[in-house]
Amino acid sequence: MIEKFGGVVSTRQLLESGQSEEAIRRAVDADVLRRLRHGWYATFDADLEVVSTVEDGCLVTCITALTRHGLWIPEGHEGVHSRVTRYGRRQSHDRCRRHGRPTPAVGAIDDVMTALHYAARCCSAEDFVILCDSAMHHGKLTEEQLRTEFRHSPDSIRRLIERRDKLAGSGTETAVRLRLRAAGETVEVQQHVPGVGHIDLLVGERLAVELDSRDHHTGVTNYESDRRRDRLLVADGYIPLRLTYGQVFRQWEATYADIQRIMRQQIHRRRAC
C-alpha cells in the first residue's frame, strides 16, 4: 500500500490498514518509518519528489499525479504539480487549484479523478480533453463518472467533458480530432476498414489520418506494418496521411496548411470505393 503512494503514507491510512498508533510509534523508533510532518510518514527509500512535496505541506496532484497513474501526458508541464488541502496553507499562489473547495487529503498522490479536477483549472482546454480521453482509454474512469464528478463545475469545463472520446488512443489523436472538428470537418475516431483494421481518424469519406503517439515512434517492425497499411488503404480508395508527434505539437501551422490544401480540393469528401 505504501509503495502505491511513493513510500509516503498518512496516519489515517496506516490506521485504516489495521496498524495501531503504538505500532506506528514502534516503526518510527525502529527506523522503518520516519516522520515527515504531523500525520505523515515515509519509508527510508521513499520517492524523493513525493517526500519533498509532503514535507512542504502539499500533495502530488494534477499532471504529476496523472503521469504516475500512466496517462498520456501533453508536453509543456514540467516541474512538480502540487496542491494544498482544505486544512493547508491559505496563501499558496504557486500551487495547483481546482474549481470549488480543495479536496480532502486521502493519500500523498491524488487519485485520477481528483488530479483531473486540478488539471481542469491548470491546463489548456485541449490538454484537459487529452487527459480525459486518456483516463477513459486506460480504464481509469468511465464517461458517466466524468459527467457526475464534474456536474457542478463551470459550464466551460462541462462542455469540454462532452468533447471527450474514450476511443482515442493517444493525445495526438485527441488534439487533431479537436482541431479538425473546430475547423468544421467531419472526423470519425478509430474507424474500422476491412482488411486494414482501425485507422486513427477518418476525415470526411476518404482521408485516413494515422498519428504517432510520441517522438521516435516508428521502429523497423512498425515501419513495415505502416507501409503495408498505407498500401491497402490506397487500394481501397482512401488517402493515407501519416503525421508525426512533432508535426502535430510543434509544427501544426505548417501541417494544417497542407491539410487545408487537401480539404480545398474536396477529395477527402468523395466516397472511397
Protein backbone atom coordinates (compact mmCIF):
# COMPACT_ATOMS: atom_id res chain seq x y z
CA MET A 1 0.00 0.00 0.00
CA ILE A 2 2.80 2.44 0.88
CA GLU A 3 4.57 1.83 -2.45
CA LYS A 4 1.44 3.00 -4.31
CA PHE A 5 1.93 6.44 -2.78
CA GLY A 6 5.66 6.70 -3.42
CA GLY A 7 6.58 5.40 0.00
CA VAL A 8 4.70 8.20 1.78
CA VAL A 9 1.63 7.48 3.88
CA SER A 10 -0.62 9.29 6.37
CA THR A 11 -1.52 8.29 9.91
CA ARG A 12 -5.10 7.84 8.73
CA GLN A 13 -4.05 5.39 6.02
CA LEU A 14 -1.94 3.38 8.45
CA LEU A 15 -4.77 3.16 10.98
CA GLU A 16 -7.29 2.18 8.29
CA SER A 17 -4.93 -0.58 7.14
CA GLY A 18 -5.03 -2.12 10.62
CA GLN A 19 -1.98 -0.55 12.23
CA SER A 20 -2.28 0.86 15.75
CA GLU A 21 -0.79 4.12 16.98
CA GLU A 22 1.60 2.08 19.11
CA ALA A 23 2.69 0.08 16.05
CA ILE A 24 3.35 3.33 14.18
CA ARG A 25 5.49 4.63 17.05
CA ARG A 26 7.47 1.38 17.11
CA ALA A 27 8.04 1.63 13.35
CA VAL A 28 9.43 5.14 13.78
CA ASP A 29 11.64 4.09 16.71
CA ALA A 30 12.95 1.14 14.67
CA ASP A 31 13.74 3.40 11.67
CA VAL A 32 11.22 1.58 9.50
CA LEU A 33 9.31 4.82 9.05
CA ARG A 34 10.38 8.42 9.50
CA ARG A 35 8.05 11.28 10.36
CA LEU A 36 7.85 13.96 7.64
CA ARG A 37 5.41 16.27 9.40
CA HIS A 38 2.39 15.89 11.63
CA GLY A 39 0.29 12.98 10.39
CA TRP A 40 2.63 11.90 7.58
CA TYR A 41 5.37 9.26 7.40
CA ALA A 42 7.74 7.86 4.79
CA THR A 43 9.84 4.79 4.28
CA PHE A 44 13.57 5.43 4.01
CA ASP A 45 13.58 4.55 0.32
CA ALA A 46 10.54 6.72 -0.46
CA ASP A 47 10.30 8.73 -3.66
CA LEU A 48 12.16 11.99 -3.02
CA GLU A 49 9.76 14.01 -5.17
CA VAL A 50 6.78 12.86 -3.10
CA VAL A 51 8.68 13.27 0.18
CA SER A 52 9.65 16.86 -0.67
CA THR A 53 6.09 17.72 -1.66
CA VAL A 54 4.57 16.37 1.55
CA GLU A 55 7.27 17.96 3.71
CA ASP A 56 6.26 21.25 2.10
CA GLY A 57 2.69 20.75 3.35
CA CYS A 58 1.27 19.70 -0.02
CA LEU A 59 0.14 16.66 -2.02
CA VAL A 60 1.14 15.50 -5.50
CA THR A 61 -1.68 16.25 -7.95
CA CYS A 62 -2.62 17.35 -11.46
CA ILE A 63 -0.16 16.46 -14.23
CA THR A 64 2.41 14.90 -11.89
CA ALA A 65 -0.14 12.55 -10.31
CA LEU A 66 -1.66 11.66 -13.69
CA THR A 67 1.80 10.83 -15.03
CA ARG A 68 2.25 8.39 -12.16
CA HIS A 69 -1.14 6.84 -12.98
CA GLY A 70 0.08 6.06 -16.51
CA LEU A 71 -1.96 8.58 -18.53
CA TRP A 72 -0.86 10.12 -21.82
CA ILE A 73 0.58 13.48 -20.78
CA PRO A 74 0.87 16.56 -23.04
CA GLU A 75 4.27 18.20 -23.12
CA GLY A 76 4.97 21.58 -21.59
CA HIS A 77 4.06 20.75 -17.99
CA GLU A 78 7.46 20.37 -16.39
CA GLY A 79 8.01 20.54 -12.66
CA VAL A 80 6.06 19.05 -9.79
CA HIS A 81 2.34 19.85 -9.69
CA SER A 82 1.18 20.02 -6.09
CA ARG A 83 -1.73 21.34 -4.05
CA VAL A 84 -2.72 22.22 -0.52
CA THR A 85 -5.67 20.59 1.26
CA ARG A 86 -8.62 22.42 2.78
CA TYR A 87 -6.71 22.38 6.06
CA GLY A 88 -3.46 23.51 4.50
CA ARG A 89 -1.90 26.89 3.96
CA ARG A 90 -4.25 29.57 2.71
CA GLN A 91 -1.66 31.58 0.84
CA SER A 92 -0.05 29.41 -1.82
CA HIS A 93 -0.23 31.07 -5.22
CA ASP A 94 2.26 28.73 -6.87
CA ARG A 95 0.16 25.60 -6.29
CA CYS A 96 -2.49 23.95 -8.46
CA ARG A 97 -6.07 24.81 -7.61
CA ARG A 98 -9.46 23.37 -8.52
CA HIS A 99 -12.86 24.94 -9.03
CA GLY A 100 -14.58 24.89 -5.65
CA ARG A 101 -13.13 23.90 -2.29
CA PRO A 102 -9.90 21.86 -2.07
CA THR A 103 -10.36 18.09 -1.97
CA PRO A 104 -9.61 16.46 1.41
CA ALA A 105 -6.34 14.55 1.54
CA VAL A 106 -6.58 10.79 1.00
CA GLY A 107 -3.01 9.98 0.03
CA ALA A 108 0.24 11.70 -0.85
CA ILE A 109 -0.56 11.24 -4.55
CA ASP A 110 -4.05 12.17 -5.71
CA ASP A 111 -6.25 9.61 -7.45
CA VAL A 112 -7.07 10.12 -11.14
CA MET A 113 -10.39 11.90 -10.63
CA THR A 114 -9.04 14.32 -8.02
CA ALA A 115 -5.99 15.06 -10.16
CA LEU A 116 -8.28 15.79 -13.13
CA HIS A 117 -10.22 18.32 -11.06
CA TYR A 118 -6.98 20.22 -10.51
CA ALA A 119 -5.87 19.77 -14.12
CA ALA A 120 -9.15 21.32 -15.30
CA ARG A 121 -8.00 24.66 -13.93
CA CYS A 122 -4.28 24.23 -14.54
CA CYS A 123 -4.22 23.00 -18.18
CA SER A 124 -5.41 24.35 -21.51
CA ALA A 125 -8.77 23.20 -22.85
CA GLU A 126 -7.10 20.87 -25.37
CA ASP A 127 -4.76 19.35 -22.79
CA PHE A 128 -7.66 18.74 -20.40
CA VAL A 129 -9.63 16.83 -23.04
CA ILE A 130 -6.48 14.83 -23.84
CA LEU A 131 -6.22 13.84 -20.18
CA CYS A 132 -9.92 12.88 -20.00
CA ASP A 133 -9.60 10.78 -23.16
CA SER A 134 -6.53 9.04 -21.80
CA ALA A 135 -8.18 8.33 -18.43
CA MET A 136 -11.12 6.65 -20.17
CA HIS A 137 -8.99 4.84 -22.75
CA HIS A 138 -6.89 3.26 -19.99
CA GLY A 139 -9.95 2.26 -17.99
CA LYS A 140 -9.25 4.62 -15.10
CA LEU A 141 -12.65 6.33 -15.35
CA THR A 142 -15.95 5.92 -17.19
CA GLU A 143 -17.85 8.54 -19.14
CA GLU A 144 -20.59 8.53 -16.52
CA GLN A 145 -18.08 9.08 -13.71
CA LEU A 146 -16.66 12.09 -15.52
CA ARG A 147 -20.09 13.61 -16.08
CA THR A 148 -21.12 13.00 -12.47
CA GLU A 149 -17.91 14.28 -10.88
CA PHE A 150 -17.84 17.48 -12.94
CA ARG A 151 -21.58 18.24 -12.83
CA HIS A 152 -21.02 21.24 -10.52
CA SER A 153 -18.04 22.59 -12.47
CA PRO A 154 -18.25 25.76 -14.58
CA ASP A 155 -20.07 25.45 -17.91
CA SER A 156 -16.79 25.75 -19.80
CA ILE A 157 -15.42 22.62 -18.10
CA ARG A 158 -18.63 20.62 -18.58
CA ARG A 159 -18.59 21.49 -22.28
CA LEU A 160 -15.04 20.13 -22.52
CA ILE A 161 -16.16 16.90 -20.82
CA GLU A 162 -18.73 16.45 -23.60
CA ARG A 163 -15.93 16.59 -26.20
CA ARG A 164 -14.25 13.52 -24.78
CA ASP A 165 -13.83 10.24 -26.69
CA LYS A 166 -12.68 7.06 -24.95
CA LEU A 167 -11.60 5.52 -28.27
CA ALA A 168 -8.74 7.97 -28.68
CA GLY A 169 -5.52 6.00 -28.30
CA SER A 170 -3.18 8.95 -27.76
CA GLY A 171 -3.02 12.66 -27.15
CA THR A 172 -2.01 13.27 -30.75
CA GLU A 173 -5.30 11.69 -31.89
CA THR A 174 -7.28 13.83 -29.48
CA ALA A 175 -5.50 17.04 -30.49
CA VAL A 176 -6.01 16.52 -34.23
CA ARG A 177 -9.64 15.44 -33.72
CA LEU A 178 -10.41 18.57 -31.74
CA ARG A 179 -8.62 20.90 -34.14
CA LEU A 180 -10.20 19.49 -37.30
CA ARG A 181 -13.70 19.39 -35.82
CA ALA A 182 -13.24 23.00 -34.73
CA ALA A 183 -12.46 23.74 -38.41
CA GLY A 184 -15.82 22.24 -39.37
CA GLU A 185 -14.60 18.87 -40.61
CA THR A 186 -16.38 15.56 -40.01
CA VAL A 187 -13.99 13.32 -38.08
CA GLU A 188 -14.58 9.70 -37.05
CA VAL A 189 -12.38 8.06 -34.42
CA GLN A 190 -10.89 4.57 -34.80
CA GLN A 191 -12.88 3.81 -37.96
CA HIS A 192 -12.65 0.14 -38.96
CA VAL A 193 -11.57 -0.61 -42.53
CA PRO A 194 -11.92 -4.30 -43.58
CA GLY A 195 -8.55 -5.88 -44.28
CA VAL A 196 -6.70 -2.95 -42.73
CA GLY A 197 -8.02 -2.59 -39.20
CA HIS A 198 -8.79 0.59 -37.30
CA ILE A 199 -7.43 3.90 -38.55
CA ASP A 200 -6.86 6.65 -36.03
CA LEU A 201 -9.02 9.32 -37.67
CA LEU A 202 -11.17 9.34 -40.79
CA VAL A 203 -11.73 12.86 -42.08
CA GLY A 204 -14.65 13.13 -44.45
CA GLU A 205 -15.08 9.96 -46.51
CA ARG A 206 -11.52 9.26 -47.58
CA LEU A 207 -8.75 10.99 -45.64
CA ALA A 208 -7.26 8.34 -43.35
CA VAL A 209 -5.10 10.09 -40.76
CA GLU A 210 -2.64 7.96 -38.79
CA LEU A 211 -0.73 9.52 -35.90
CA ASP A 212 2.45 8.77 -33.98
CA SER A 213 1.75 8.86 -30.26
CA ARG A 214 5.25 10.01 -29.31
CA ASP A 215 8.56 11.19 -30.77
CA HIS A 216 10.63 8.40 -32.36
CA HIS A 217 7.51 6.24 -32.53
CA THR A 218 8.29 4.17 -35.61
CA GLY A 219 10.61 1.18 -35.28
CA VAL A 220 11.54 -1.31 -38.03
CA THR A 221 8.50 -3.53 -37.38
CA ASN A 222 6.10 -0.60 -37.26
CA TYR A 223 7.67 0.92 -40.35
CA GLU A 224 6.88 -2.20 -42.41
CA SER A 225 3.39 -2.52 -40.95
CA ASP A 226 2.60 1.16 -41.55
CA ARG A 227 3.62 0.97 -45.21
CA ARG A 228 1.51 -2.13 -45.73
CA ARG A 229 -1.49 -0.37 -44.19
CA ASP A 230 -0.93 2.66 -46.42
CA ARG A 231 -0.79 0.42 -49.48
CA LEU A 232 -4.03 -1.32 -48.56
CA LEU A 233 -5.77 1.98 -47.83
CA VAL A 234 -4.79 3.38 -51.24
CA ALA A 235 -6.01 0.18 -52.89
CA ASP A 236 -9.38 0.67 -51.16
CA GLY A 237 -9.70 4.26 -52.35
CA TYR A 238 -8.54 6.08 -49.21
CA ILE A 239 -5.95 8.84 -48.92
CA PRO A 240 -3.50 7.90 -46.15
CA LEU A 241 -1.93 10.80 -44.26
CA ARG A 242 0.62 9.93 -41.62
CA LEU A 243 1.53 12.65 -39.09
CA THR A 244 4.32 12.61 -36.53
CA TYR A 245 4.10 13.83 -32.96
CA GLY A 246 6.26 16.83 -33.81
CA GLN A 247 4.13 17.79 -36.81
CA VAL A 248 1.08 17.94 -34.55
CA PHE A 249 2.51 19.63 -31.47
CA ARG A 250 5.44 21.66 -32.82
CA GLN A 251 4.70 22.30 -36.49
CA TRP A 252 0.92 22.43 -36.57
CA GLU A 253 0.66 25.64 -38.56
CA ALA A 254 2.56 24.13 -41.49
CA THR A 255 0.88 20.75 -41.06
CA TYR A 256 -2.60 22.24 -41.04
CA ALA A 257 -1.79 24.37 -44.11
CA ASP A 258 -1.12 21.14 -46.03
CA ILE A 259 -4.30 19.53 -44.68
CA GLN A 260 -6.25 22.60 -45.82
CA ARG A 261 -4.88 22.13 -49.35
CA ILE A 262 -6.39 18.64 -49.33
CA MET A 263 -9.66 19.96 -47.93
CA ARG A 264 -9.94 22.72 -50.53
CA GLN A 265 -9.78 20.13 -53.29
CA GLN A 266 -12.68 18.29 -51.61
CA ILE A 267 -11.13 14.93 -52.47
CA HIS A 268 -11.40 13.82 -48.84
CA ARG A 269 -15.20 14.11 -49.15
CA ARG A 270 -15.53 11.74 -52.10
CA ARG A 271 -16.60 8.29 -51.01
CA ALA A 272 -13.99 5.56 -51.14
CA CYS A 273 -14.57 2.61 -53.45
